[in-house]
PDB file of N, CA and C in Angstrom:
ATOM      1  N   MET A   1     -77.554 -11.776  31.778  1.00  0.00           N
ATOM      2  CA  MET A   1     -78.988 -12.040  31.666  1.00  0.00           C
ATOM      3  C   MET A   1     -79.204 -13.367  30.939  1.00  0.00           C
ATOM      4  N   ALA A   2     -79.998 -14.227  31.516  1.00  0.00           N
ATOM      5  CA  ALA A   2     -80.228 -15.541  30.926  1.00  0.00           C
ATOM      6  C   ALA A   2     -81.090 -15.426  29.677  1.00  0.00           C
ATOM      7  N   LYS A   3     -80.737 -16.235  28.688  1.00  0.00           N
ATOM      8  CA  LYS A   3     -81.551 -16.253  27.477  1.00  0.00           C
ATOM      9  C   LYS A   3     -82.706 -17.218  27.676  1.00  0.00           C
ATOM     10  N   LYS A   4     -83.869 -16.806  27.222  1.00  0.00           N
ATOM     11  CA  LYS A   4     -85.035 -17.675  27.295  1.00  0.00           C
ATOM     12  C   LYS A   4     -85.516 -17.927  25.879  1.00  0.00           C
ATOM     13  N   LYS A   5     -85.921 -19.160  25.640  1.00  0.00           N
ATOM     14  CA  LYS A   5     -86.466 -19.486  24.330  1.00  0.00           C
ATOM     15  C   LYS A   5     -87.972 -19.261  24.386  1.00  0.00           C
ATOM     16  N   ILE A   6     -88.456 -18.492  23.430  1.00  0.00           N
ATOM     17  CA  ILE A   6     -89.878 -18.175  23.393  1.00  0.00           C
ATOM     18  C   ILE A   6     -90.431 -18.685  22.069  1.00  0.00           C
ATOM     19  N   SER A   7     -91.485 -19.489  22.129  1.00  0.00           N
ATOM     20  CA  SER A   7     -92.131 -19.877  20.877  1.00  0.00           C
ATOM     21  C   SER A   7     -93.545 -19.337  20.846  1.00  0.00           C
ATOM     22  N   VAL A   8     -93.941 -18.906  19.676  1.00  0.00           N
ATOM     23  CA  VAL A   8     -95.269 -18.331  19.522  1.00  0.00           C
ATOM     24  C   VAL A   8     -95.932 -18.896  18.284  1.00  0.00           C
ATOM     25  N   THR A   9     -97.243 -19.007  18.350  1.00  0.00           N
ATOM     26  CA  THR A   9     -98.041 -19.342  17.182  1.00  0.00           C
ATOM     27  C   THR A   9     -99.019 -18.192  17.005  1.00  0.00           C
ATOM     28  N   LEU A  10     -99.017 -17.604  15.822  1.00  0.00           N
ATOM     29  CA  LEU A  10     -99.837 -16.417  15.604  1.00  0.00           C
ATOM     30  C   LEU A  10    -100.862 -16.649  14.506  1.00  0.00           C
ATOM     31  N   GLU A  11    -102.040 -16.086  14.716  1.00  0.00           N
ATOM     32  CA  GLU A  11    -103.026 -16.037  13.652  1.00  0.00           C
ATOM     33  C   GLU A  11    -102.553 -15.000  12.634  1.00  0.00           C
ATOM     34  N   PRO A  12    -102.968 -15.140  11.374  1.00  0.00           N
ATOM     35  CA  PRO A  12    -102.532 -14.184  10.349  1.00  0.00           C
ATOM     36  C   PRO A  12    -102.822 -12.730  10.712  1.00  0.00           C
ATOM     37  N   GLU A  13    -104.000 -12.470  11.301  1.00  0.00           N
ATOM     38  CA  GLU A  13    -104.349 -11.089  11.660  1.00  0.00           C
ATOM     39  C   GLU A  13    -103.409 -10.575  12.746  1.00  0.00           C
ATOM     40  N   THR A  14    -103.118 -11.444  13.706  1.00  0.00           N
ATOM     41  CA  THR A  14    -102.206 -11.070  14.788  1.00  0.00           C
ATOM     42  C   THR A  14    -100.828 -10.785  14.229  1.00  0.00           C
ATOM     43  N   TYR A  15    -100.388 -11.642  13.316  1.00  0.00           N
ATOM     44  CA  TYR A  15     -99.087 -11.470  12.679  1.00  0.00           C
ATOM     45  C   TYR A  15     -98.994 -10.124  11.980  1.00  0.00           C
ATOM     46  N   LEU A  16    -100.023  -9.790  11.214  1.00  0.00           N
ATOM     47  CA  LEU A  16    -100.003  -8.526  10.473  1.00  0.00           C
ATOM     48  C   LEU A  16     -99.995  -7.330  11.414  1.00  0.00           C
ATOM     49  N   ALA A  17    -100.801  -7.406  12.468  1.00  0.00           N
ATOM     50  CA  ALA A  17    -100.843  -6.317  13.443  1.00  0.00           C
ATOM     51  C   ALA A  17     -99.496  -6.175  14.157  1.00  0.00           C
ATOM     52  N   LEU A  18     -98.925  -7.307  14.546  1.00  0.00           N
ATOM     53  CA  LEU A  18     -97.632  -7.293  15.227  1.00  0.00           C
ATOM     54  C   LEU A  18     -96.542  -6.742  14.317  1.00  0.00           C
ATOM     55  N   ARG A  19     -96.596  -7.148  13.066  1.00  0.00           N
ATOM     56  CA  ARG A  19     -95.578  -6.708  12.115  1.00  0.00           C
ATOM     57  C   ARG A  19     -95.646  -5.192  11.924  1.00  0.00           C
ATOM     58  N   GLN A  20     -96.875  -4.662  11.791  1.00  0.00           N
ATOM     59  CA  GLN A  20     -97.037  -3.210  11.668  1.00  0.00           C
ATOM     60  C   GLN A  20     -96.492  -2.508  12.900  1.00  0.00           C
ATOM     61  N   HIS A  21     -96.807  -3.057  14.061  1.00  0.00           N
ATOM     62  CA  HIS A  21     -96.351  -2.496  15.329  1.00  0.00           C
ATOM     63  C   HIS A  21     -94.820  -2.491  15.394  1.00  0.00           C
ATOM     64  N   ILE A  22     -94.228  -3.606  14.996  1.00  0.00           N
ATOM     65  CA  ILE A  22     -92.765  -3.721  14.997  1.00  0.00           C
ATOM     66  C   ILE A  22     -92.148  -2.704  14.047  1.00  0.00           C
ATOM     67  N   LEU A  23     -92.681  -2.617  12.842  1.00  0.00           N
ATOM     68  CA  LEU A  23     -92.103  -1.710  11.851  1.00  0.00           C
ATOM     69  C   LEU A  23     -92.211  -0.261  12.300  1.00  0.00           C
ATOM     70  N   ARG A  24     -93.340   0.086  12.933  1.00  0.00           N
ATOM     71  CA  ARG A  24     -93.514   1.452  13.439  1.00  0.00           C
ATOM     72  C   ARG A  24     -92.560   1.759  14.580  1.00  0.00           C
ATOM     73  N   ASN A  25     -92.431   0.811  15.501  1.00  0.00           N
ATOM     74  CA  ASN A  25     -91.680   1.078  16.726  1.00  0.00           C
ATOM     75  C   ASN A  25     -90.192   0.790  16.620  1.00  0.00           C
ATOM     76  N   ARG A  26     -89.805   0.123  15.569  1.00  0.00           N
ATOM     77  CA  ARG A  26     -88.403  -0.220  15.383  1.00  0.00           C
ATOM     78  C   ARG A  26     -87.548   1.045  15.359  1.00  0.00           C
ATOM     79  N   LEU A  27     -88.070   2.085  14.750  1.00  0.00           N
ATOM     80  CA  LEU A  27     -87.345   3.347  14.631  1.00  0.00           C
ATOM     81  C   LEU A  27     -87.048   3.960  15.989  1.00  0.00           C
ATOM     82  N   HIS A  28     -87.887   3.659  16.970  1.00  0.00           N
ATOM     83  CA  HIS A  28     -87.752   4.291  18.279  1.00  0.00           C
ATOM     84  C   HIS A  28     -86.965   3.425  19.256  1.00  0.00           C
ATOM     85  N   SER A  29     -86.596   2.228  18.803  1.00  0.00           N
ATOM     86  CA  SER A  29     -85.921   1.304  19.709  1.00  0.00           C
ATOM     87  C   SER A  29     -84.490   1.751  19.981  1.00  0.00           C
ATOM     88  N   LYS A  30     -84.172   1.877  21.253  1.00  0.00           N
ATOM     89  CA  LYS A  30     -82.817   2.264  21.639  1.00  0.00           C
ATOM     90  C   LYS A  30     -82.060   1.057  22.194  1.00  0.00           C
ATOM     91  N   SER A  31     -82.780  -0.025  22.405  1.00  0.00           N
ATOM     92  CA  SER A  31     -82.176  -1.184  23.050  1.00  0.00           C
ATOM     93  C   SER A  31     -81.725  -2.220  22.025  1.00  0.00           C
ATOM     94  N   GLN A  32     -80.458  -2.623  22.119  1.00  0.00           N
ATOM     95  CA  GLN A  32     -79.933  -3.633  21.201  1.00  0.00           C
ATOM     96  C   GLN A  32     -80.651  -4.965  21.388  1.00  0.00           C
ATOM     97  N   ALA A  33     -80.970  -5.302  22.626  1.00  0.00           N
ATOM     98  CA  ALA A  33     -81.671  -6.557  22.898  1.00  0.00           C
ATOM     99  C   ALA A  33     -83.044  -6.564  22.229  1.00  0.00           C
ATOM    100  N   VAL A  34     -83.738  -5.437  22.334  1.00  0.00           N
ATOM    101  CA  VAL A  34     -85.048  -5.314  21.699  1.00  0.00           C
ATOM    102  C   VAL A  34     -84.900  -5.431  20.186  1.00  0.00           C
ATOM    103  N   ASP A  35     -83.895  -4.751  19.645  1.00  0.00           N
ATOM    104  CA  ASP A  35     -83.631  -4.811  18.215  1.00  0.00           C
ATOM    105  C   ASP A  35     -83.363  -6.239  17.751  1.00  0.00           C
ATOM    106  N   ASP A  36     -82.541  -6.968  18.509  1.00  0.00           N
ATOM    107  CA  ASP A  36     -82.229  -8.353  18.165  1.00  0.00           C
ATOM    108  C   ASP A  36     -83.483  -9.218  18.206  1.00  0.00           C
ATOM    109  N   ALA A  37     -84.291  -9.024  19.241  1.00  0.00           N
ATOM    110  CA  ALA A  37     -85.523  -9.800  19.371  1.00  0.00           C
ATOM    111  C   ALA A  37     -86.470  -9.502  18.215  1.00  0.00           C
ATOM    112  N   ILE A  38     -86.595  -8.220  17.874  1.00  0.00           N
ATOM    113  CA  ILE A  38     -87.452  -7.817  16.765  1.00  0.00           C
ATOM    114  C   ILE A  38     -86.970  -8.441  15.462  1.00  0.00           C
ATOM    115  N   SER A  39     -85.668  -8.404  15.236  1.00  0.00           N
ATOM    116  CA  SER A  39     -85.110  -8.990  14.019  1.00  0.00           C
ATOM    117  C   SER A  39     -85.392 -10.486  13.950  1.00  0.00           C
ATOM    118  N   ARG A  40     -85.203 -11.159  15.088  1.00  0.00           N
ATOM    119  CA  ARG A  40     -85.423 -12.604  15.126  1.00  0.00           C
ATOM    120  C   ARG A  40     -86.889 -12.936  14.885  1.00  0.00           C
ATOM    121  N   ILE A  41     -87.778 -12.207  15.560  1.00  0.00           N
ATOM    122  CA  ILE A  41     -89.216 -12.420  15.384  1.00  0.00           C
ATOM    123  C   ILE A  41     -89.610 -12.147  13.937  1.00  0.00           C
ATOM    124  N   SER A  42     -89.111 -11.054  13.382  1.00  0.00           N
ATOM    125  CA  SER A  42     -89.432 -10.696  12.003  1.00  0.00           C
ATOM    126  C   SER A  42     -89.011 -11.786  11.031  1.00  0.00           C
ATOM    127  N   SER A  43     -87.794 -12.305  11.197  1.00  0.00           N
ATOM    128  CA  SER A  43     -87.316 -13.325  10.269  1.00  0.00           C
ATOM    129  C   SER A  43     -88.101 -14.624  10.419  1.00  0.00           C
ATOM    130  N   ILE A  44     -88.460 -14.963  11.661  1.00  0.00           N
ATOM    131  CA  ILE A  44     -89.281 -16.158  11.878  1.00  0.00           C
ATOM    132  C   ILE A  44     -90.641 -15.979  11.215  1.00  0.00           C
ATOM    133  N   LEU A  45     -91.252 -14.811  11.418  1.00  0.00           N
ATOM    134  CA  LEU A  45     -92.573 -14.566  10.852  1.00  0.00           C
ATOM    135  C   LEU A  45     -92.519 -14.541   9.330  1.00  0.00           C
ATOM    136  N   GLN A  46     -91.487 -13.928   8.774  1.00  0.00           N
ATOM    137  CA  GLN A  46     -91.384 -13.833   7.320  1.00  0.00           C
ATOM    138  C   GLN A  46     -91.162 -15.198   6.685  1.00  0.00           C
ATOM    139  N   SER A  47     -90.500 -16.100   7.416  1.00  0.00           N
ATOM    140  CA  SER A  47     -90.282 -17.433   6.861  1.00  0.00           C
ATOM    141  C   SER A  47     -91.560 -18.270   6.954  1.00  0.00           C
ATOM    142  N   GLY A  48     -92.528 -17.781   7.739  1.00  0.00           N
ATOM    143  CA  GLY A  48     -93.839 -18.412   7.792  1.00  0.00           C
ATOM    144  C   GLY A  48     -93.893 -19.699   8.590  1.00  0.00           C
ATOM    145  N   ARG A  49     -92.855 -19.977   9.393  1.00  0.00           N
ATOM    146  CA  ARG A  49     -92.894 -21.222  10.159  1.00  0.00           C
ATOM    147  C   ARG A  49     -93.244 -20.932  11.607  1.00  0.00           C
ATOM    148  N   ASN A  50     -93.938 -21.879  12.211  1.00  0.00           N
ATOM    149  CA  ASN A  50     -94.233 -21.776  13.640  1.00  0.00           C
ATOM    150  C   ASN A  50     -93.413 -22.820  14.369  1.00  0.00           C
ATOM    151  N   PRO A  51     -92.808 -22.453  15.472  1.00  0.00           N
ATOM    152  CA  PRO A  51     -91.991 -23.406  16.241  1.00  0.00           C
ATOM    153  C   PRO A  51     -92.827 -24.589  16.717  1.00  0.00           C
TER     154      PRO A  51
END
């Protein structure tokens, strides 16, 4: 499967909503790819930088 680079710019409200969604659904994730993407998104968001 080809890797695609995705960049996002989020408003603070969107970020908070997305983060809550990620934290809630992370427990139910069975896919390693999804887990990796969530981890990457989380670390990018926590560092507060936008690509």
